[in-house]
Amino acid sequence: MRALHYRLSSGLSVRVIPDTSVYHDGHPIISYSYSVFMDGKSKLPSVASPHAPGIPHDFITHPDYMGFIAFEEPGKLFMYAGYGERHLTAEESEELIEFLSHIRDNPNLWRSSTGEF
């Protein structure tokens, strides 16, 4: 799955990479965790998808890495864990979780060719 680009209401632009994917007929249909990066000019680390559970070391050491969001039980139980120098605020993480929940709940949006929202 490709990175999603999203601008938070605070003005911060982020790139979100789905980490753990479930596939059906060769197409990604759901992801349970998402790595969050500031949308800077630096190249994102490459990841073979799907990869083993856990946060890849290349992510943690990336200068734009801000942590990850995990959905343990969609719509009920989720968390944001901040890493790196810049973390999302509580409001920013809540907004991003709402955005990802909207994407997850609307399969027609999965076909976005640009990954920009």
N, C-alpha and C. Protein backbone atom coordinates (compact mmCIF):
# COMPACT_ATOMS: atom_id res chain seq x y z
N MET A 1 0.84 -1.17 0.00
CA MET A 1 0.00 0.00 0.00
C MET A 1 0.89 1.24 0.00
N ARG A 2 0.45 2.26 -0.69
CA ARG A 2 1.26 3.48 -0.79
C ARG A 2 0.97 4.41 0.38
N ALA A 3 1.86 5.37 0.55
CA ALA A 3 1.69 6.36 1.62
C ALA A 3 0.49 7.25 1.34
N LEU A 4 -0.21 7.61 2.40
CA LEU A 4 -1.31 8.57 2.32
C LEU A 4 -0.78 9.92 2.77
N HIS A 5 -1.16 10.96 2.07
CA HIS A 5 -0.76 12.33 2.45
C HIS A 5 -1.99 13.03 3.01
N TYR A 6 -1.80 13.70 4.14
CA TYR A 6 -2.94 14.36 4.77
C TYR A 6 -2.46 15.63 5.48
N ARG A 7 -3.25 16.71 5.33
CA ARG A 7 -2.95 17.95 6.04
C ARG A 7 -3.93 18.07 7.21
N LEU A 8 -3.37 18.11 8.42
CA LEU A 8 -4.18 18.26 9.62
C LEU A 8 -4.70 19.69 9.74
N SER A 9 -5.75 19.88 10.51
CA SER A 9 -6.31 21.23 10.67
C SER A 9 -5.32 22.17 11.34
N SER A 10 -4.31 21.64 12.03
CA SER A 10 -3.26 22.46 12.64
C SER A 10 -2.30 23.02 11.59
N GLY A 11 -2.42 22.52 10.34
CA GLY A 11 -1.53 22.94 9.26
C GLY A 11 -0.39 21.97 9.00
N LEU A 12 -0.18 21.01 9.89
CA LEU A 12 0.88 20.03 9.73
C LEU A 12 0.49 19.03 8.65
N SER A 13 1.39 18.83 7.68
CA SER A 13 1.19 17.82 6.64
C SER A 13 1.92 16.56 7.06
N VAL A 14 1.25 15.42 6.94
CA VAL A 14 1.85 14.14 7.33
C VAL A 14 1.73 13.15 6.18
N ARG A 15 2.63 12.18 6.21
CA ARG A 15 2.56 11.01 5.34
C ARG A 15 2.33 9.82 6.25
N VAL A 16 1.41 8.97 5.87
CA VAL A 16 1.05 7.82 6.68
C VAL A 16 1.28 6.57 5.85
N ILE A 17 2.05 5.63 6.40
CA ILE A 17 2.32 4.38 5.69
C ILE A 17 1.62 3.24 6.42
N PRO A 18 0.66 2.56 5.74
CA PRO A 18 0.05 1.38 6.34
C PRO A 18 1.11 0.31 6.55
N ASP A 19 1.18 -0.24 7.76
CA ASP A 19 2.24 -1.18 8.10
C ASP A 19 1.84 -2.65 7.95
N THR A 20 0.72 -3.03 8.50
CA THR A 20 0.30 -4.42 8.48
C THR A 20 -0.94 -4.53 7.62
N SER A 21 -0.83 -5.26 6.53
CA SER A 21 -1.94 -5.32 5.57
C SER A 21 -2.52 -6.72 5.47
N VAL A 22 -3.79 -6.76 5.17
CA VAL A 22 -4.47 -8.01 4.84
C VAL A 22 -4.86 -7.89 3.38
N TYR A 23 -4.61 -8.94 2.62
CA TYR A 23 -4.86 -8.91 1.19
C TYR A 23 -5.98 -9.87 0.80
N HIS A 24 -6.74 -9.48 -0.21
CA HIS A 24 -7.76 -10.33 -0.79
C HIS A 24 -7.60 -10.26 -2.30
N ASP A 25 -7.41 -11.40 -2.93
CA ASP A 25 -7.21 -11.45 -4.38
C ASP A 25 -6.08 -10.53 -4.83
N GLY A 26 -5.04 -10.42 -4.01
CA GLY A 26 -3.88 -9.62 -4.38
C GLY A 26 -4.02 -8.13 -4.14
N HIS A 27 -5.13 -7.69 -3.53
CA HIS A 27 -5.35 -6.27 -3.28
C HIS A 27 -5.38 -6.01 -1.77
N PRO A 28 -4.72 -4.93 -1.32
CA PRO A 28 -4.76 -4.62 0.11
C PRO A 28 -6.18 -4.19 0.50
N ILE A 29 -6.70 -4.76 1.59
CA ILE A 29 -8.05 -4.41 2.00
C ILE A 29 -8.14 -3.81 3.39
N ILE A 30 -7.15 -4.03 4.23
CA ILE A 30 -7.20 -3.47 5.57
C ILE A 30 -5.80 -3.41 6.15
N SER A 31 -5.58 -2.46 7.01
CA SER A 31 -4.31 -2.33 7.70
C SER A 31 -4.60 -2.05 9.16
N TYR A 32 -3.78 -2.58 10.04
CA TYR A 32 -4.01 -2.41 11.47
C TYR A 32 -3.08 -1.40 12.13
N SER A 33 -1.99 -1.07 11.51
CA SER A 33 -1.11 -0.05 12.08
C SER A 33 -0.55 0.83 10.97
N TYR A 34 -0.25 2.05 11.36
CA TYR A 34 0.15 3.07 10.40
C TYR A 34 1.31 3.86 10.96
N SER A 35 2.40 3.96 10.23
CA SER A 35 3.53 4.79 10.63
C SER A 35 3.30 6.20 10.13
N VAL A 36 3.59 7.18 10.99
CA VAL A 36 3.32 8.59 10.69
C VAL A 36 4.64 9.33 10.54
N PHE A 37 4.75 10.08 9.44
CA PHE A 37 5.92 10.89 9.15
C PHE A 37 5.49 12.32 8.87
N MET A 38 6.34 13.29 9.24
CA MET A 38 6.11 14.66 8.77
C MET A 38 6.27 14.62 7.25
N ASP A 39 5.48 15.39 6.56
CA ASP A 39 5.53 15.38 5.10
C ASP A 39 6.62 16.34 4.65
N GLY A 40 7.86 15.93 4.83
CA GLY A 40 9.00 16.75 4.46
C GLY A 40 9.50 16.39 3.08
N LYS A 41 10.66 16.88 2.78
CA LYS A 41 11.26 16.63 1.47
C LYS A 41 12.08 15.35 1.44
N SER A 42 12.35 14.77 2.61
CA SER A 42 13.19 13.57 2.64
C SER A 42 12.41 12.36 2.14
N LYS A 43 13.13 11.45 1.54
CA LYS A 43 12.54 10.24 0.98
C LYS A 43 12.16 9.30 2.13
N LEU A 44 10.99 8.70 2.00
CA LEU A 44 10.56 7.74 3.01
C LEU A 44 11.35 6.45 2.85
N PRO A 45 11.56 5.74 3.97
CA PRO A 45 12.23 4.44 3.85
C PRO A 45 11.37 3.49 3.03
N SER A 46 12.01 2.62 2.29
CA SER A 46 11.25 1.66 1.50
C SER A 46 10.93 0.46 2.37
N VAL A 47 9.75 -0.10 2.13
CA VAL A 47 9.30 -1.26 2.90
C VAL A 47 8.69 -2.25 1.94
N ALA A 48 9.10 -3.50 2.05
CA ALA A 48 8.45 -4.55 1.27
C ALA A 48 7.13 -4.83 1.96
N SER A 49 6.04 -4.78 1.23
CA SER A 49 4.73 -4.97 1.83
C SER A 49 4.15 -6.30 1.39
N PRO A 50 3.60 -7.10 2.29
CA PRO A 50 3.55 -6.86 3.72
C PRO A 50 4.87 -7.27 4.38
N HIS A 51 5.19 -6.66 5.51
CA HIS A 51 6.41 -7.02 6.22
C HIS A 51 6.06 -7.55 7.60
N ALA A 52 7.05 -8.04 8.27
CA ALA A 52 6.83 -8.62 9.59
C ALA A 52 6.29 -7.58 10.56
N PRO A 53 5.48 -8.00 11.52
CA PRO A 53 4.95 -7.05 12.50
C PRO A 53 6.06 -6.34 13.24
N GLY A 54 5.77 -5.15 13.69
CA GLY A 54 6.75 -4.34 14.41
C GLY A 54 7.17 -3.16 13.56
N ILE A 55 7.85 -2.24 14.19
CA ILE A 55 8.28 -1.03 13.50
C ILE A 55 9.67 -1.26 12.92
N PRO A 56 9.83 -1.11 11.60
CA PRO A 56 11.14 -1.28 10.99
C PRO A 56 12.15 -0.27 11.55
N HIS A 57 13.37 -0.69 11.75
CA HIS A 57 14.42 0.17 12.28
C HIS A 57 14.62 1.42 11.42
N ASP A 58 14.48 1.27 10.10
CA ASP A 58 14.64 2.42 9.20
C ASP A 58 13.61 3.50 9.48
N PHE A 59 12.46 3.11 9.99
CA PHE A 59 11.44 4.10 10.33
C PHE A 59 11.85 4.87 11.58
N ILE A 60 12.21 4.15 12.62
CA ILE A 60 12.53 4.78 13.91
C ILE A 60 13.67 5.79 13.77
N THR A 61 14.64 5.50 12.93
CA THR A 61 15.79 6.38 12.76
C THR A 61 15.59 7.46 11.71
N HIS A 62 14.46 7.42 11.00
CA HIS A 62 14.19 8.42 9.97
C HIS A 62 13.91 9.78 10.63
N PRO A 63 14.48 10.88 10.13
CA PRO A 63 14.32 12.18 10.79
C PRO A 63 12.88 12.71 10.82
N ASP A 64 12.02 12.25 9.93
CA ASP A 64 10.64 12.73 9.90
C ASP A 64 9.66 11.81 10.61
N TYR A 65 10.16 10.71 11.21
CA TYR A 65 9.27 9.74 11.85
C TYR A 65 8.66 10.34 13.11
N MET A 66 7.32 10.20 13.23
CA MET A 66 6.60 10.77 14.37
C MET A 66 5.92 9.72 15.23
N GLY A 67 6.01 8.45 14.88
CA GLY A 67 5.38 7.39 15.66
C GLY A 67 4.40 6.60 14.83
N PHE A 68 3.51 5.89 15.52
CA PHE A 68 2.56 5.06 14.79
C PHE A 68 1.20 5.08 15.47
N ILE A 69 0.19 4.75 14.67
CA ILE A 69 -1.18 4.58 15.15
C ILE A 69 -1.53 3.12 14.95
N ALA A 70 -2.08 2.50 15.98
CA ALA A 70 -2.50 1.10 15.88
C ALA A 70 -3.98 0.99 16.20
N PHE A 71 -4.69 0.21 15.39
CA PHE A 71 -6.10 -0.09 15.60
C PHE A 71 -6.18 -1.51 16.15
N GLU A 72 -6.46 -1.64 17.43
CA GLU A 72 -6.60 -2.97 18.02
C GLU A 72 -7.99 -3.51 17.76
N GLU A 73 -8.98 -2.64 17.83
CA GLU A 73 -10.36 -3.00 17.55
C GLU A 73 -10.99 -1.78 16.87
N PRO A 74 -11.06 -1.79 15.53
CA PRO A 74 -11.53 -0.61 14.80
C PRO A 74 -12.83 -0.04 15.36
N GLY A 75 -12.83 1.28 15.52
CA GLY A 75 -13.98 1.97 16.04
C GLY A 75 -14.10 1.95 17.55
N LYS A 76 -13.25 1.15 18.22
CA LYS A 76 -13.35 1.02 19.67
C LYS A 76 -12.02 1.22 20.39
N LEU A 77 -10.96 0.61 19.92
CA LEU A 77 -9.69 0.62 20.64
C LEU A 77 -8.55 0.92 19.67
N PHE A 78 -7.89 2.06 19.89
CA PHE A 78 -6.77 2.46 19.05
C PHE A 78 -5.82 3.27 19.91
N MET A 79 -4.61 3.46 19.40
CA MET A 79 -3.61 4.21 20.16
C MET A 79 -2.64 4.89 19.22
N TYR A 80 -2.03 5.96 19.73
CA TYR A 80 -0.95 6.63 19.03
C TYR A 80 0.26 6.59 19.96
N ALA A 81 1.39 6.16 19.44
CA ALA A 81 2.65 6.15 20.19
C ALA A 81 3.63 7.05 19.46
N GLY A 82 4.02 8.14 20.09
CA GLY A 82 4.94 9.08 19.48
C GLY A 82 6.40 8.67 19.63
N TYR A 83 7.15 8.86 18.59
CA TYR A 83 8.59 8.62 18.58
C TYR A 83 9.24 9.80 17.87
N GLY A 84 10.52 9.97 18.06
CA GLY A 84 11.24 11.02 17.36
C GLY A 84 11.15 12.36 18.07
N GLU A 85 11.64 13.39 17.40
CA GLU A 85 11.69 14.72 17.99
C GLU A 85 10.34 15.40 18.01
N ARG A 86 9.49 15.16 17.04
CA ARG A 86 8.19 15.82 16.92
C ARG A 86 7.10 14.79 17.07
N HIS A 87 6.16 15.01 17.98
CA HIS A 87 5.03 14.11 18.18
C HIS A 87 3.75 14.82 17.79
N LEU A 88 2.74 14.05 17.48
CA LEU A 88 1.41 14.62 17.27
C LEU A 88 0.83 15.02 18.62
N THR A 89 0.08 16.11 18.64
CA THR A 89 -0.65 16.47 19.85
C THR A 89 -1.83 15.52 19.99
N ALA A 90 -2.50 15.56 21.13
CA ALA A 90 -3.69 14.71 21.32
C ALA A 90 -4.74 15.03 20.27
N GLU A 91 -4.92 16.32 19.98
CA GLU A 91 -5.91 16.71 18.97
C GLU A 91 -5.51 16.23 17.59
N GLU A 92 -4.23 16.36 17.24
CA GLU A 92 -3.75 15.92 15.93
C GLU A 92 -3.89 14.41 15.78
N SER A 93 -3.53 13.66 16.82
CA SER A 93 -3.64 12.20 16.72
C SER A 93 -5.10 11.78 16.60
N GLU A 94 -6.00 12.45 17.33
CA GLU A 94 -7.42 12.14 17.22
C GLU A 94 -7.94 12.43 15.81
N GLU A 95 -7.53 13.56 15.24
CA GLU A 95 -7.96 13.90 13.88
C GLU A 95 -7.43 12.88 12.87
N LEU A 96 -6.19 12.47 13.03
CA LEU A 96 -5.61 11.50 12.11
C LEU A 96 -6.28 10.13 12.25
N ILE A 97 -6.61 9.74 13.47
CA ILE A 97 -7.33 8.48 13.69
C ILE A 97 -8.70 8.55 13.03
N GLU A 98 -9.39 9.69 13.14
CA GLU A 98 -10.69 9.85 12.48
C GLU A 98 -10.55 9.76 10.97
N PHE A 99 -9.50 10.38 10.40
CA PHE A 99 -9.25 10.31 8.97
C PHE A 99 -9.02 8.86 8.53
N LEU A 100 -8.15 8.15 9.25
CA LEU A 100 -7.85 6.77 8.89
C LEU A 100 -9.09 5.88 9.05
N SER A 101 -9.88 6.13 10.06
CA SER A 101 -11.12 5.37 10.25
C SER A 101 -12.06 5.60 9.07
N HIS A 102 -12.14 6.83 8.60
CA HIS A 102 -12.98 7.16 7.45
C HIS A 102 -12.50 6.41 6.20
N ILE A 103 -11.19 6.40 5.99
CA ILE A 103 -10.62 5.67 4.84
C ILE A 103 -10.93 4.18 4.97
N ARG A 104 -10.74 3.63 6.16
CA ARG A 104 -10.97 2.21 6.38
C ARG A 104 -12.45 1.83 6.17
N ASP A 105 -13.36 2.75 6.52
CA ASP A 105 -14.79 2.47 6.43
C ASP A 105 -15.37 2.71 5.04
N ASN A 106 -14.60 3.26 4.13
CA ASN A 106 -15.09 3.60 2.79
C ASN A 106 -14.19 3.01 1.72
N PRO A 107 -14.45 1.77 1.33
CA PRO A 107 -13.61 1.08 0.36
C PRO A 107 -13.40 1.82 -0.95
N ASN A 108 -14.38 2.64 -1.37
CA ASN A 108 -14.21 3.37 -2.63
C ASN A 108 -13.04 4.34 -2.55
N LEU A 109 -12.63 4.76 -1.36
CA LEU A 109 -11.49 5.66 -1.22
C LEU A 109 -10.16 4.93 -1.32
N TRP A 110 -10.16 3.60 -1.18
CA TRP A 110 -8.91 2.83 -1.25
C TRP A 110 -8.30 2.89 -2.63
N ARG A 111 -9.08 3.23 -3.60
CA ARG A 111 -8.61 3.23 -4.98
C ARG A 111 -7.97 4.56 -5.39
N SER A 112 -7.80 5.48 -4.45
CA SER A 112 -7.21 6.77 -4.77
C SER A 112 -5.86 6.57 -5.44
N SER A 113 -5.70 7.14 -6.62
CA SER A 113 -4.47 6.93 -7.37
C SER A 113 -3.31 7.77 -6.84
N THR A 114 -3.59 8.86 -6.13
CA THR A 114 -2.51 9.73 -5.67
C THR A 114 -2.14 9.51 -4.23
N GLY A 115 -3.05 8.99 -3.42
CA GLY A 115 -2.79 8.84 -2.00
C GLY A 115 -2.90 10.16 -1.26
N GLU A 116 -3.37 11.23 -1.93
CA GLU A 116 -3.49 12.53 -1.29
C GLU A 116 -4.93 12.79 -0.90
N PHE A 117 -5.11 13.33 0.31
CA PHE A 117 -6.46 13.61 0.82
C PHE A 117 -6.49 14.98 1.44
